[in-house]
Amino acid sequence: MRERVAERSYFFRQWVRAPLATAAMFPSSDALAIGVVRSVAPAMAPVVELGPGTGAVTRRLVEKGLREDQLVLIECNRHFAAQLRASFPGARLVEGMAHEVGDMTFDSPPGVVVSGLPLMSMPNEAVEATLRAAFKVLKPGGYVVQFTYAPRCPVNRSVRERLSLESKLQELVWRNFPPARVYQLRRKGE
């Protein structure tokens, strides 16, 4: 419990420092992290996580059976990146922007990209660039899992149409403050 309080305090300080970049005042709750990883299986490895923050979802991925060396964590906040490096030393950690995933090479293509990015506070161009990059590296049939606190999909219809994506509500997580929705984004026809 003490560790969770420390994590929330640290996350809050990062939000105060850069509210638009961090977007949320607190890390994902356990209930939300469980909801985000519900559709992820070790057979989908490697798994890319965009914006892992303090690692709430990352911990759940490891609990689901993914080894740290099957995780690729992309975090732009250097403070969060340092904490992730200490907590998950076996993971491939990239300190950079999410859209840089499109320039990365993988031994085998990822089956899923899990995103904690604040898409609703990002310009459409940045959202589109990030999703274009994610789908560039995903294997056929792979998808993006994205959560939001908004009452709708965080990727607007015009971006989904340009990228030929469809969204599906995976889960509504009431036991999170605020309540959250978890979406899957897939290429149409896959």
N, C-alpha and C. Protein backbone atom coordinates (compact mmCIF):
# COMPACT_ATOMS: atom_id res chain seq x y z
N MET A 1 0.82 -1.19 0.00
CA MET A 1 0.00 0.00 0.00
C MET A 1 0.87 1.26 0.00
N ARG A 2 1.93 1.23 0.80
CA ARG A 2 2.83 2.38 0.88
C ARG A 2 3.48 2.65 -0.49
N GLU A 3 3.82 1.57 -1.20
CA GLU A 3 4.42 1.71 -2.52
C GLU A 3 3.45 2.37 -3.50
N ARG A 4 2.18 1.99 -3.42
CA ARG A 4 1.17 2.56 -4.31
C ARG A 4 0.96 4.06 -4.02
N VAL A 5 0.98 4.44 -2.76
CA VAL A 5 0.84 5.85 -2.39
C VAL A 5 2.04 6.64 -2.93
N ALA A 6 3.23 6.09 -2.79
CA ALA A 6 4.44 6.75 -3.30
C ALA A 6 4.36 6.91 -4.82
N GLU A 7 3.86 5.88 -5.50
CA GLU A 7 3.73 5.93 -6.96
C GLU A 7 2.74 7.03 -7.37
N ARG A 8 1.61 7.11 -6.68
CA ARG A 8 0.60 8.14 -6.99
C ARG A 8 1.18 9.55 -6.75
N SER A 9 1.92 9.70 -5.66
CA SER A 9 2.52 11.00 -5.35
C SER A 9 3.54 11.39 -6.43
N TYR A 10 4.36 10.45 -6.83
CA TYR A 10 5.37 10.71 -7.86
C TYR A 10 4.69 11.08 -9.18
N PHE A 11 3.67 10.32 -9.55
CA PHE A 11 2.94 10.58 -10.79
C PHE A 11 2.32 11.97 -10.75
N PHE A 12 1.71 12.33 -9.62
CA PHE A 12 1.08 13.63 -9.47
C PHE A 12 2.10 14.75 -9.65
N ARG A 13 3.28 14.58 -9.09
CA ARG A 13 4.33 15.60 -9.24
C ARG A 13 4.73 15.76 -10.71
N GLN A 14 4.75 14.65 -11.44
CA GLN A 14 5.07 14.73 -12.87
C GLN A 14 3.96 15.46 -13.62
N TRP A 15 2.72 15.24 -13.22
CA TRP A 15 1.59 15.94 -13.84
C TRP A 15 1.69 17.44 -13.57
N VAL A 16 2.02 17.82 -12.34
CA VAL A 16 2.16 19.25 -12.01
C VAL A 16 3.26 19.87 -12.87
N ARG A 17 4.34 19.14 -13.05
CA ARG A 17 5.48 19.62 -13.82
C ARG A 17 5.13 19.82 -15.30
N ALA A 18 4.34 18.89 -15.89
CA ALA A 18 4.00 18.94 -17.32
C ALA A 18 2.61 18.36 -17.54
N PRO A 19 1.56 19.12 -17.21
CA PRO A 19 0.20 18.59 -17.26
C PRO A 19 -0.27 18.13 -18.64
N LEU A 20 0.12 18.80 -19.69
CA LEU A 20 -0.32 18.38 -21.02
C LEU A 20 0.37 17.10 -21.47
N ALA A 21 1.62 16.94 -21.09
CA ALA A 21 2.36 15.73 -21.47
C ALA A 21 1.92 14.53 -20.66
N THR A 22 1.68 14.72 -19.38
CA THR A 22 1.28 13.60 -18.51
C THR A 22 -0.21 13.35 -18.61
N ALA A 23 -1.01 14.40 -18.70
CA ALA A 23 -2.46 14.38 -18.93
C ALA A 23 -3.29 13.86 -17.76
N ALA A 24 -2.88 12.80 -17.10
CA ALA A 24 -3.63 12.29 -15.95
C ALA A 24 -2.91 12.68 -14.67
N MET A 25 -3.70 12.89 -13.62
CA MET A 25 -3.09 13.28 -12.35
C MET A 25 -2.54 12.08 -11.58
N PHE A 26 -3.06 10.89 -11.87
CA PHE A 26 -2.66 9.68 -11.16
C PHE A 26 -2.43 8.55 -12.14
N PRO A 27 -1.62 7.56 -11.77
CA PRO A 27 -1.40 6.41 -12.64
C PRO A 27 -2.67 5.57 -12.76
N SER A 28 -2.68 4.71 -13.75
CA SER A 28 -3.82 3.82 -13.95
C SER A 28 -4.06 2.98 -12.70
N SER A 29 -5.33 2.82 -12.36
CA SER A 29 -5.68 1.97 -11.21
C SER A 29 -5.43 0.51 -11.57
N ASP A 30 -5.40 -0.35 -10.56
CA ASP A 30 -5.26 -1.78 -10.81
C ASP A 30 -6.40 -2.28 -11.69
N ALA A 31 -7.63 -1.80 -11.42
CA ALA A 31 -8.78 -2.24 -12.21
C ALA A 31 -8.62 -1.86 -13.68
N LEU A 32 -8.14 -0.65 -13.94
CA LEU A 32 -7.93 -0.22 -15.33
C LEU A 32 -6.80 -1.01 -15.98
N ALA A 33 -5.70 -1.20 -15.27
CA ALA A 33 -4.58 -1.96 -15.82
C ALA A 33 -5.01 -3.38 -16.18
N ILE A 34 -5.82 -4.00 -15.34
CA ILE A 34 -6.33 -5.34 -15.63
C ILE A 34 -7.20 -5.31 -16.88
N GLY A 35 -8.05 -4.29 -16.99
CA GLY A 35 -8.91 -4.16 -18.17
C GLY A 35 -8.12 -3.94 -19.44
N VAL A 36 -7.06 -3.17 -19.37
CA VAL A 36 -6.23 -2.89 -20.55
C VAL A 36 -5.56 -4.16 -21.06
N VAL A 37 -5.06 -4.99 -20.16
CA VAL A 37 -4.31 -6.19 -20.60
C VAL A 37 -5.19 -7.42 -20.80
N ARG A 38 -6.48 -7.29 -20.56
CA ARG A 38 -7.38 -8.46 -20.64
C ARG A 38 -7.24 -9.24 -21.95
N SER A 39 -7.09 -8.55 -23.08
CA SER A 39 -7.04 -9.23 -24.37
C SER A 39 -5.62 -9.60 -24.81
N VAL A 40 -4.64 -9.32 -23.97
CA VAL A 40 -3.24 -9.57 -24.32
C VAL A 40 -2.81 -10.93 -23.79
N ALA A 41 -2.09 -11.67 -24.62
CA ALA A 41 -1.58 -13.00 -24.23
C ALA A 41 -0.10 -13.08 -24.54
N PRO A 42 0.66 -13.91 -23.81
CA PRO A 42 2.10 -14.04 -24.08
C PRO A 42 2.41 -14.42 -25.53
N ALA A 43 1.51 -15.13 -26.19
CA ALA A 43 1.75 -15.53 -27.59
C ALA A 43 1.79 -14.33 -28.53
N MET A 44 1.36 -13.17 -28.08
CA MET A 44 1.35 -11.97 -28.91
C MET A 44 2.69 -11.23 -28.86
N ALA A 45 3.63 -11.72 -28.09
CA ALA A 45 4.92 -11.05 -27.91
C ALA A 45 5.67 -10.96 -29.23
N PRO A 46 6.45 -9.89 -29.35
CA PRO A 46 6.66 -8.84 -28.37
C PRO A 46 5.44 -7.91 -28.27
N VAL A 47 5.33 -7.27 -27.13
CA VAL A 47 4.26 -6.30 -26.87
C VAL A 47 4.90 -4.94 -26.69
N VAL A 48 4.37 -3.95 -27.39
CA VAL A 48 4.86 -2.58 -27.28
C VAL A 48 3.90 -1.82 -26.38
N GLU A 49 4.45 -1.05 -25.44
CA GLU A 49 3.64 -0.19 -24.60
C GLU A 49 4.07 1.25 -24.82
N LEU A 50 3.12 2.06 -25.27
CA LEU A 50 3.36 3.48 -25.49
C LEU A 50 2.91 4.26 -24.27
N GLY A 51 3.79 5.05 -23.72
CA GLY A 51 3.46 5.86 -22.55
C GLY A 51 3.20 5.04 -21.31
N PRO A 52 4.14 4.17 -20.90
CA PRO A 52 3.90 3.33 -19.73
C PRO A 52 3.91 4.06 -18.39
N GLY A 53 4.35 5.30 -18.36
CA GLY A 53 4.32 6.06 -17.10
C GLY A 53 5.13 5.38 -16.02
N THR A 54 4.49 5.08 -14.91
CA THR A 54 5.18 4.43 -13.78
C THR A 54 5.12 2.91 -13.85
N GLY A 55 4.46 2.36 -14.87
CA GLY A 55 4.47 0.91 -15.05
C GLY A 55 3.28 0.15 -14.52
N ALA A 56 2.16 0.81 -14.26
CA ALA A 56 0.98 0.11 -13.73
C ALA A 56 0.51 -0.98 -14.70
N VAL A 57 0.43 -0.66 -15.98
CA VAL A 57 0.01 -1.64 -16.98
C VAL A 57 1.13 -2.64 -17.24
N THR A 58 2.36 -2.15 -17.24
CA THR A 58 3.53 -3.03 -17.47
C THR A 58 3.56 -4.16 -16.45
N ARG A 59 3.30 -3.84 -15.18
CA ARG A 59 3.27 -4.88 -14.15
C ARG A 59 2.23 -5.95 -14.46
N ARG A 60 1.08 -5.52 -14.94
CA ARG A 60 0.01 -6.48 -15.28
C ARG A 60 0.39 -7.33 -16.49
N LEU A 61 1.14 -6.76 -17.42
CA LEU A 61 1.60 -7.55 -18.57
C LEU A 61 2.53 -8.67 -18.10
N VAL A 62 3.41 -8.33 -17.16
CA VAL A 62 4.33 -9.34 -16.61
C VAL A 62 3.54 -10.39 -15.83
N GLU A 63 2.54 -9.96 -15.09
CA GLU A 63 1.70 -10.92 -14.35
C GLU A 63 0.94 -11.84 -15.28
N LYS A 64 0.65 -11.39 -16.50
CA LYS A 64 -0.06 -12.22 -17.48
C LYS A 64 0.86 -13.27 -18.10
N GLY A 65 2.16 -13.19 -17.80
CA GLY A 65 3.08 -14.19 -18.30
C GLY A 65 4.08 -13.70 -19.33
N LEU A 66 4.04 -12.42 -19.65
CA LEU A 66 5.04 -11.89 -20.57
C LEU A 66 6.34 -11.67 -19.81
N ARG A 67 7.44 -12.09 -20.41
CA ARG A 67 8.74 -11.83 -19.81
C ARG A 67 9.13 -10.38 -20.10
N GLU A 68 9.96 -9.83 -19.24
CA GLU A 68 10.40 -8.45 -19.45
C GLU A 68 11.06 -8.27 -20.82
N ASP A 69 11.83 -9.28 -21.26
CA ASP A 69 12.51 -9.14 -22.55
C ASP A 69 11.55 -9.22 -23.74
N GLN A 70 10.27 -9.46 -23.48
CA GLN A 70 9.25 -9.44 -24.53
C GLN A 70 8.50 -8.11 -24.57
N LEU A 71 8.93 -7.17 -23.74
CA LEU A 71 8.26 -5.88 -23.65
C LEU A 71 9.14 -4.77 -24.23
N VAL A 72 8.51 -3.90 -25.02
CA VAL A 72 9.16 -2.72 -25.56
C VAL A 72 8.40 -1.53 -25.00
N LEU A 73 9.06 -0.74 -24.17
CA LEU A 73 8.43 0.38 -23.48
C LEU A 73 8.94 1.68 -24.08
N ILE A 74 8.01 2.53 -24.55
CA ILE A 74 8.40 3.80 -25.15
C ILE A 74 7.83 4.92 -24.29
N GLU A 75 8.72 5.65 -23.65
CA GLU A 75 8.33 6.68 -22.69
C GLU A 75 9.11 7.96 -22.97
N CYS A 76 8.42 9.10 -23.09
CA CYS A 76 9.11 10.38 -23.37
C CYS A 76 9.50 11.13 -22.11
N ASN A 77 8.89 10.82 -20.97
CA ASN A 77 9.22 11.51 -19.72
C ASN A 77 10.47 10.85 -19.12
N ARG A 78 11.55 11.59 -19.03
CA ARG A 78 12.82 11.00 -18.58
C ARG A 78 12.74 10.49 -17.13
N HIS A 79 11.92 11.12 -16.30
CA HIS A 79 11.78 10.68 -14.92
C HIS A 79 11.06 9.33 -14.86
N PHE A 80 9.96 9.21 -15.64
CA PHE A 80 9.27 7.92 -15.72
C PHE A 80 10.19 6.86 -16.32
N ALA A 81 10.95 7.24 -17.35
CA ALA A 81 11.85 6.28 -18.01
C ALA A 81 12.88 5.74 -17.02
N ALA A 82 13.43 6.60 -16.17
CA ALA A 82 14.41 6.15 -15.17
C ALA A 82 13.77 5.16 -14.20
N GLN A 83 12.54 5.45 -13.80
CA GLN A 83 11.85 4.53 -12.88
C GLN A 83 11.55 3.20 -13.56
N LEU A 84 11.12 3.25 -14.84
CA LEU A 84 10.84 2.02 -15.58
C LEU A 84 12.10 1.18 -15.75
N ARG A 85 13.21 1.85 -16.03
CA ARG A 85 14.49 1.15 -16.22
C ARG A 85 14.86 0.38 -14.94
N ALA A 86 14.60 0.98 -13.78
CA ALA A 86 14.91 0.32 -12.51
C ALA A 86 13.91 -0.80 -12.21
N SER A 87 12.65 -0.59 -12.54
CA SER A 87 11.62 -1.58 -12.21
C SER A 87 11.57 -2.75 -13.18
N PHE A 88 11.93 -2.51 -14.45
CA PHE A 88 11.85 -3.55 -15.48
C PHE A 88 13.16 -3.59 -16.26
N PRO A 89 14.26 -4.01 -15.60
CA PRO A 89 15.58 -3.94 -16.24
C PRO A 89 15.71 -4.82 -17.48
N GLY A 90 14.88 -5.83 -17.62
CA GLY A 90 14.98 -6.72 -18.77
C GLY A 90 14.21 -6.24 -19.99
N ALA A 91 13.39 -5.22 -19.83
CA ALA A 91 12.58 -4.71 -20.94
C ALA A 91 13.43 -3.83 -21.85
N ARG A 92 13.04 -3.74 -23.09
CA ARG A 92 13.67 -2.80 -24.04
C ARG A 92 12.99 -1.46 -23.82
N LEU A 93 13.72 -0.51 -23.28
CA LEU A 93 13.17 0.80 -22.97
C LEU A 93 13.71 1.82 -23.97
N VAL A 94 12.78 2.54 -24.60
CA VAL A 94 13.15 3.60 -25.53
C VAL A 94 12.67 4.90 -24.94
N GLU A 95 13.60 5.80 -24.70
CA GLU A 95 13.26 7.11 -24.19
C GLU A 95 13.04 8.01 -25.40
N GLY A 96 11.77 8.18 -25.77
CA GLY A 96 11.48 8.96 -26.96
C GLY A 96 9.98 9.10 -27.16
N MET A 97 9.63 9.57 -28.34
CA MET A 97 8.25 9.82 -28.69
C MET A 97 7.61 8.55 -29.27
N ALA A 98 6.32 8.41 -29.04
CA ALA A 98 5.60 7.20 -29.43
C ALA A 98 5.67 6.92 -30.93
N HIS A 99 5.61 7.96 -31.75
CA HIS A 99 5.62 7.72 -33.20
C HIS A 99 6.95 7.14 -33.70
N GLU A 100 7.97 7.18 -32.86
CA GLU A 100 9.26 6.60 -33.24
C GLU A 100 9.21 5.08 -33.32
N VAL A 101 8.15 4.47 -32.81
CA VAL A 101 8.01 3.01 -32.90
C VAL A 101 8.04 2.56 -34.36
N GLY A 102 7.57 3.41 -35.27
CA GLY A 102 7.56 3.05 -36.69
C GLY A 102 8.94 2.89 -37.29
N ASP A 103 9.96 3.44 -36.65
CA ASP A 103 11.34 3.34 -37.13
C ASP A 103 12.11 2.21 -36.47
N MET A 104 11.45 1.50 -35.57
CA MET A 104 12.13 0.44 -34.82
C MET A 104 12.11 -0.88 -35.59
N THR A 105 13.08 -1.73 -35.28
CA THR A 105 13.11 -3.08 -35.86
C THR A 105 12.85 -4.09 -34.74
N PHE A 106 12.22 -5.17 -35.10
CA PHE A 106 11.87 -6.22 -34.16
C PHE A 106 12.27 -7.56 -34.77
N ASP A 107 12.66 -8.52 -33.91
CA ASP A 107 12.97 -9.86 -34.39
C ASP A 107 11.72 -10.49 -35.02
N SER A 108 10.59 -10.25 -34.39
CA SER A 108 9.30 -10.65 -34.96
C SER A 108 8.34 -9.50 -34.67
N PRO A 109 7.36 -9.28 -35.55
CA PRO A 109 6.48 -8.12 -35.34
C PRO A 109 5.60 -8.28 -34.11
N PRO A 110 5.34 -7.18 -33.42
CA PRO A 110 4.46 -7.22 -32.25
C PRO A 110 3.04 -7.63 -32.63
N GLY A 111 2.37 -8.30 -31.70
CA GLY A 111 0.98 -8.68 -31.91
C GLY A 111 0.02 -7.64 -31.37
N VAL A 112 0.51 -6.78 -30.48
CA VAL A 112 -0.36 -5.76 -29.89
C VAL A 112 0.50 -4.58 -29.43
N VAL A 113 -0.09 -3.40 -29.55
CA VAL A 113 0.49 -2.19 -28.98
C VAL A 113 -0.49 -1.72 -27.92
N VAL A 114 -0.02 -1.55 -26.71
CA VAL A 114 -0.84 -1.08 -25.60
C VAL A 114 -0.48 0.38 -25.38
N SER A 115 -1.50 1.24 -25.34
CA SER A 115 -1.21 2.67 -25.25
C SER A 115 -1.89 3.32 -24.06
N GLY A 116 -1.08 4.07 -23.32
CA GLY A 116 -1.58 4.90 -22.24
C GLY A 116 -1.44 6.37 -22.60
N LEU A 117 -1.28 6.65 -23.88
CA LEU A 117 -1.09 8.02 -24.33
C LEU A 117 -2.36 8.85 -24.16
N PRO A 118 -2.20 10.12 -23.85
CA PRO A 118 -3.37 11.00 -23.71
C PRO A 118 -3.84 11.50 -25.07
N LEU A 119 -4.40 10.62 -25.89
CA LEU A 119 -4.76 10.97 -27.26
C LEU A 119 -5.71 12.15 -27.36
N MET A 120 -6.62 12.27 -26.38
CA MET A 120 -7.60 13.36 -26.44
C MET A 120 -6.95 14.74 -26.30
N SER A 121 -5.77 14.80 -25.72
CA SER A 121 -5.09 16.10 -25.56
C SER A 121 -4.02 16.31 -26.62
N MET A 122 -3.93 15.39 -27.58
CA MET A 122 -2.94 15.51 -28.64
C MET A 122 -3.59 16.01 -29.92
N PRO A 123 -2.87 16.78 -30.75
CA PRO A 123 -3.42 17.20 -32.04
C PRO A 123 -3.68 15.97 -32.93
N ASN A 124 -4.67 16.07 -33.79
CA ASN A 124 -5.00 14.96 -34.69
C ASN A 124 -3.80 14.47 -35.48
N GLU A 125 -2.93 15.38 -35.89
CA GLU A 125 -1.76 15.00 -36.68
C GLU A 125 -0.83 14.08 -35.88
N ALA A 126 -0.67 14.38 -34.60
CA ALA A 126 0.19 13.55 -33.74
C ALA A 126 -0.47 12.20 -33.48
N VAL A 127 -1.77 12.19 -33.28
CA VAL A 127 -2.49 10.92 -33.08
C VAL A 127 -2.35 10.06 -34.33
N GLU A 128 -2.57 10.66 -35.49
CA GLU A 128 -2.47 9.92 -36.75
C GLU A 128 -1.06 9.39 -36.97
N ALA A 129 -0.04 10.21 -36.71
CA ALA A 129 1.35 9.77 -36.88
C ALA A 129 1.67 8.61 -35.95
N THR A 130 1.18 8.68 -34.73
CA THR A 130 1.45 7.61 -33.75
C THR A 130 0.77 6.31 -34.17
N LEU A 131 -0.49 6.39 -34.57
CA LEU A 131 -1.20 5.17 -34.98
C LEU A 131 -0.65 4.61 -36.29
N ARG A 132 -0.29 5.48 -37.21
CA ARG A 132 0.32 5.01 -38.47
C ARG A 132 1.60 4.23 -38.16
N ALA A 133 2.42 4.76 -37.24
CA ALA A 133 3.66 4.10 -36.86
C ALA A 133 3.39 2.77 -36.16
N ALA A 134 2.39 2.74 -35.28
CA ALA A 134 2.07 1.51 -34.56
C ALA A 134 1.62 0.42 -35.53
N PHE A 135 0.75 0.76 -36.47
CA PHE A 135 0.26 -0.25 -37.40
C PHE A 135 1.32 -0.64 -38.44
N LYS A 136 2.33 0.20 -38.62
CA LYS A 136 3.44 -0.14 -39.51
C LYS A 136 4.22 -1.33 -38.96
N VAL A 137 4.37 -1.41 -37.64
CA VAL A 137 5.18 -2.48 -37.05
C VAL A 137 4.36 -3.69 -36.61
N LEU A 138 3.04 -3.53 -36.44
CA LEU A 138 2.21 -4.65 -35.99
C LEU A 138 2.11 -5.74 -37.05
N LYS A 139 2.04 -6.98 -36.60
CA LYS A 139 1.85 -8.07 -37.53
C LYS A 139 0.40 -8.03 -38.05
N PRO A 140 0.12 -8.68 -39.18
CA PRO A 140 -1.26 -8.73 -39.67
C PRO A 140 -2.19 -9.28 -38.58
N GLY A 141 -3.30 -8.62 -38.39
CA GLY A 141 -4.23 -9.03 -37.34
C GLY A 141 -3.92 -8.40 -35.99
N GLY A 142 -2.77 -7.76 -35.87
CA GLY A 142 -2.40 -7.09 -34.62
C GLY A 142 -3.26 -5.86 -34.41
N TYR A 143 -3.32 -5.40 -33.18
CA TYR A 143 -4.19 -4.26 -32.87
C TYR A 143 -3.60 -3.40 -31.76
N VAL A 144 -4.22 -2.24 -31.59
CA VAL A 144 -3.83 -1.29 -30.55
C VAL A 144 -4.90 -1.31 -29.47
N VAL A 145 -4.47 -1.38 -28.23
CA VAL A 145 -5.39 -1.24 -27.09
C VAL A 145 -5.14 0.14 -26.51
N GLN A 146 -6.20 0.93 -26.41
CA GLN A 146 -6.08 2.31 -25.94
C GLN A 146 -7.18 2.58 -24.92
N PHE A 147 -6.80 3.21 -23.80
CA PHE A 147 -7.84 3.57 -22.84
C PHE A 147 -8.06 5.08 -22.84
N THR A 148 -9.21 5.48 -22.37
CA THR A 148 -9.57 6.89 -22.31
C THR A 148 -10.53 7.13 -21.17
N TYR A 149 -10.56 8.36 -20.70
CA TYR A 149 -11.54 8.76 -19.69
C TYR A 149 -12.74 9.43 -20.36
N ALA A 150 -12.67 9.61 -21.65
CA ALA A 150 -13.74 10.25 -22.41
C ALA A 150 -14.88 9.25 -22.66
N PRO A 151 -16.07 9.76 -22.95
CA PRO A 151 -17.21 8.88 -23.19
C PRO A 151 -17.26 8.32 -24.61
N ARG A 152 -16.19 8.51 -25.38
CA ARG A 152 -16.15 8.01 -26.76
C ARG A 152 -14.73 7.58 -27.10
N CYS A 153 -14.59 6.95 -28.25
CA CYS A 153 -13.26 6.54 -28.71
C CYS A 153 -12.37 7.77 -28.80
N PRO A 154 -11.14 7.70 -28.29
CA PRO A 154 -10.25 8.87 -28.29
C PRO A 154 -9.64 9.18 -29.66
N VAL A 155 -9.88 8.32 -30.64
CA VAL A 155 -9.39 8.57 -32.00
C VAL A 155 -10.59 9.00 -32.83
N ASN A 156 -10.59 10.23 -33.29
CA ASN A 156 -11.79 10.71 -33.98
C ASN A 156 -12.01 9.99 -35.31
N ARG A 157 -13.23 10.08 -35.78
CA ARG A 157 -13.66 9.34 -36.96
C ARG A 157 -12.81 9.65 -38.19
N SER A 158 -12.44 10.91 -38.39
CA SER A 158 -11.67 11.27 -39.59
C SER A 158 -10.30 10.58 -39.59
N VAL A 159 -9.65 10.51 -38.43
CA VAL A 159 -8.36 9.81 -38.34
C VAL A 159 -8.56 8.32 -38.58
N ARG A 160 -9.59 7.75 -37.98
CA ARG A 160 -9.86 6.31 -38.19
C ARG A 160 -10.12 6.03 -39.66
N GLU A 161 -10.86 6.89 -40.34
CA GLU A 161 -11.15 6.68 -41.76
C GLU A 161 -9.90 6.80 -42.61
N ARG A 162 -9.08 7.80 -42.35
CA ARG A 162 -7.83 7.95 -43.13
C ARG A 162 -6.91 6.75 -42.98
N LEU A 163 -6.92 6.15 -41.79
CA LEU A 163 -6.04 5.01 -41.54
C LEU A 163 -6.74 3.67 -41.76
N SER A 164 -8.01 3.72 -42.15
CA SER A 164 -8.81 2.52 -42.38
C SER A 164 -8.85 1.64 -41.12
N LEU A 165 -9.22 2.28 -40.00
CA LEU A 165 -9.29 1.58 -38.72
C LEU A 165 -10.72 1.53 -38.23
N GLU A 166 -11.00 0.51 -37.47
CA GLU A 166 -12.28 0.43 -36.77
C GLU A 166 -11.99 0.31 -35.28
N SER A 167 -12.91 0.83 -34.48
CA SER A 167 -12.73 0.77 -33.04
C SER A 167 -13.84 -0.07 -32.43
N LYS A 168 -13.48 -0.74 -31.35
CA LYS A 168 -14.43 -1.58 -30.63
C LYS A 168 -14.19 -1.36 -29.14
N LEU A 169 -15.28 -1.12 -28.42
CA LEU A 169 -15.16 -0.99 -26.97
C LEU A 169 -14.85 -2.36 -26.39
N GLN A 170 -13.69 -2.46 -25.74
CA GLN A 170 -13.28 -3.73 -25.13
C GLN A 170 -13.86 -3.86 -23.73
N GLU A 171 -13.88 -2.74 -23.01
CA GLU A 171 -14.30 -2.81 -21.61
C GLU A 171 -14.59 -1.42 -21.07
N LEU A 172 -15.56 -1.36 -20.18
CA LEU A 172 -15.85 -0.15 -19.41
C LEU A 172 -15.40 -0.43 -17.99
N VAL A 173 -14.51 0.39 -17.45
CA VAL A 173 -13.94 0.15 -16.13
C VAL A 173 -14.51 1.19 -15.16
N TRP A 174 -15.48 0.77 -14.40
CA TRP A 174 -16.12 1.65 -13.44
C TRP A 174 -15.25 1.89 -12.21
N ARG A 175 -14.41 0.88 -11.85
CA ARG A 175 -13.61 0.98 -10.63
C ARG A 175 -12.29 1.72 -10.87
N ASN A 176 -12.39 2.80 -11.60
CA ASN A 176 -11.26 3.68 -11.84
C ASN A 176 -11.78 5.10 -11.64
N PHE A 177 -10.93 6.00 -11.18
CA PHE A 177 -11.36 7.39 -11.07
C PHE A 177 -10.51 8.24 -12.01
N PRO A 178 -11.16 8.85 -12.99
CA PRO A 178 -12.56 8.68 -13.35
C PRO A 178 -12.77 7.35 -14.07
N PRO A 179 -14.03 6.92 -14.22
CA PRO A 179 -14.28 5.69 -14.97
C PRO A 179 -13.63 5.78 -16.35
N ALA A 180 -13.18 4.65 -16.85
CA ALA A 180 -12.44 4.63 -18.12
C ALA A 180 -13.04 3.63 -19.08
N ARG A 181 -12.75 3.86 -20.35
CA ARG A 181 -13.14 2.93 -21.41
C ARG A 181 -11.87 2.42 -22.07
N VAL A 182 -11.87 1.14 -22.41
CA VAL A 182 -10.74 0.51 -23.09
C VAL A 182 -11.21 0.12 -24.49
N TYR A 183 -10.50 0.60 -25.49
CA TYR A 183 -10.86 0.33 -26.88
C TYR A 183 -9.79 -0.51 -27.56
N GLN A 184 -10.22 -1.27 -28.56
CA GLN A 184 -9.31 -1.93 -29.49
C GLN A 184 -9.45 -1.20 -30.82
N LEU A 185 -8.32 -0.91 -31.43
CA LEU A 185 -8.29 -0.32 -32.77
C LEU A 185 -7.66 -1.34 -33.69
N ARG A 186 -8.36 -1.67 -34.77
CA ARG A 186 -7.88 -2.67 -35.73
C ARG A 186 -8.02 -2.14 -37.14
N ARG A 187 -7.20 -2.70 -38.02
CA ARG A 187 -7.37 -2.40 -39.44
C ARG A 187 -8.67 -3.02 -39.91
N LYS A 188 -9.42 -2.31 -40.73
CA LYS A 188 -10.67 -2.85 -41.24
C LYS A 188 -10.38 -4.12 -42.03
N GLY A 189 -11.21 -5.11 -41.83
CA GLY A 189 -11.09 -6.36 -42.57
C GLY A 189 -10.15 -7.37 -41.94
N GLU A 190 -9.51 -7.03 -40.83
CA GLU A 190 -8.60 -7.99 -40.18
C GLU A 190 -9.24 -8.56 -38.93
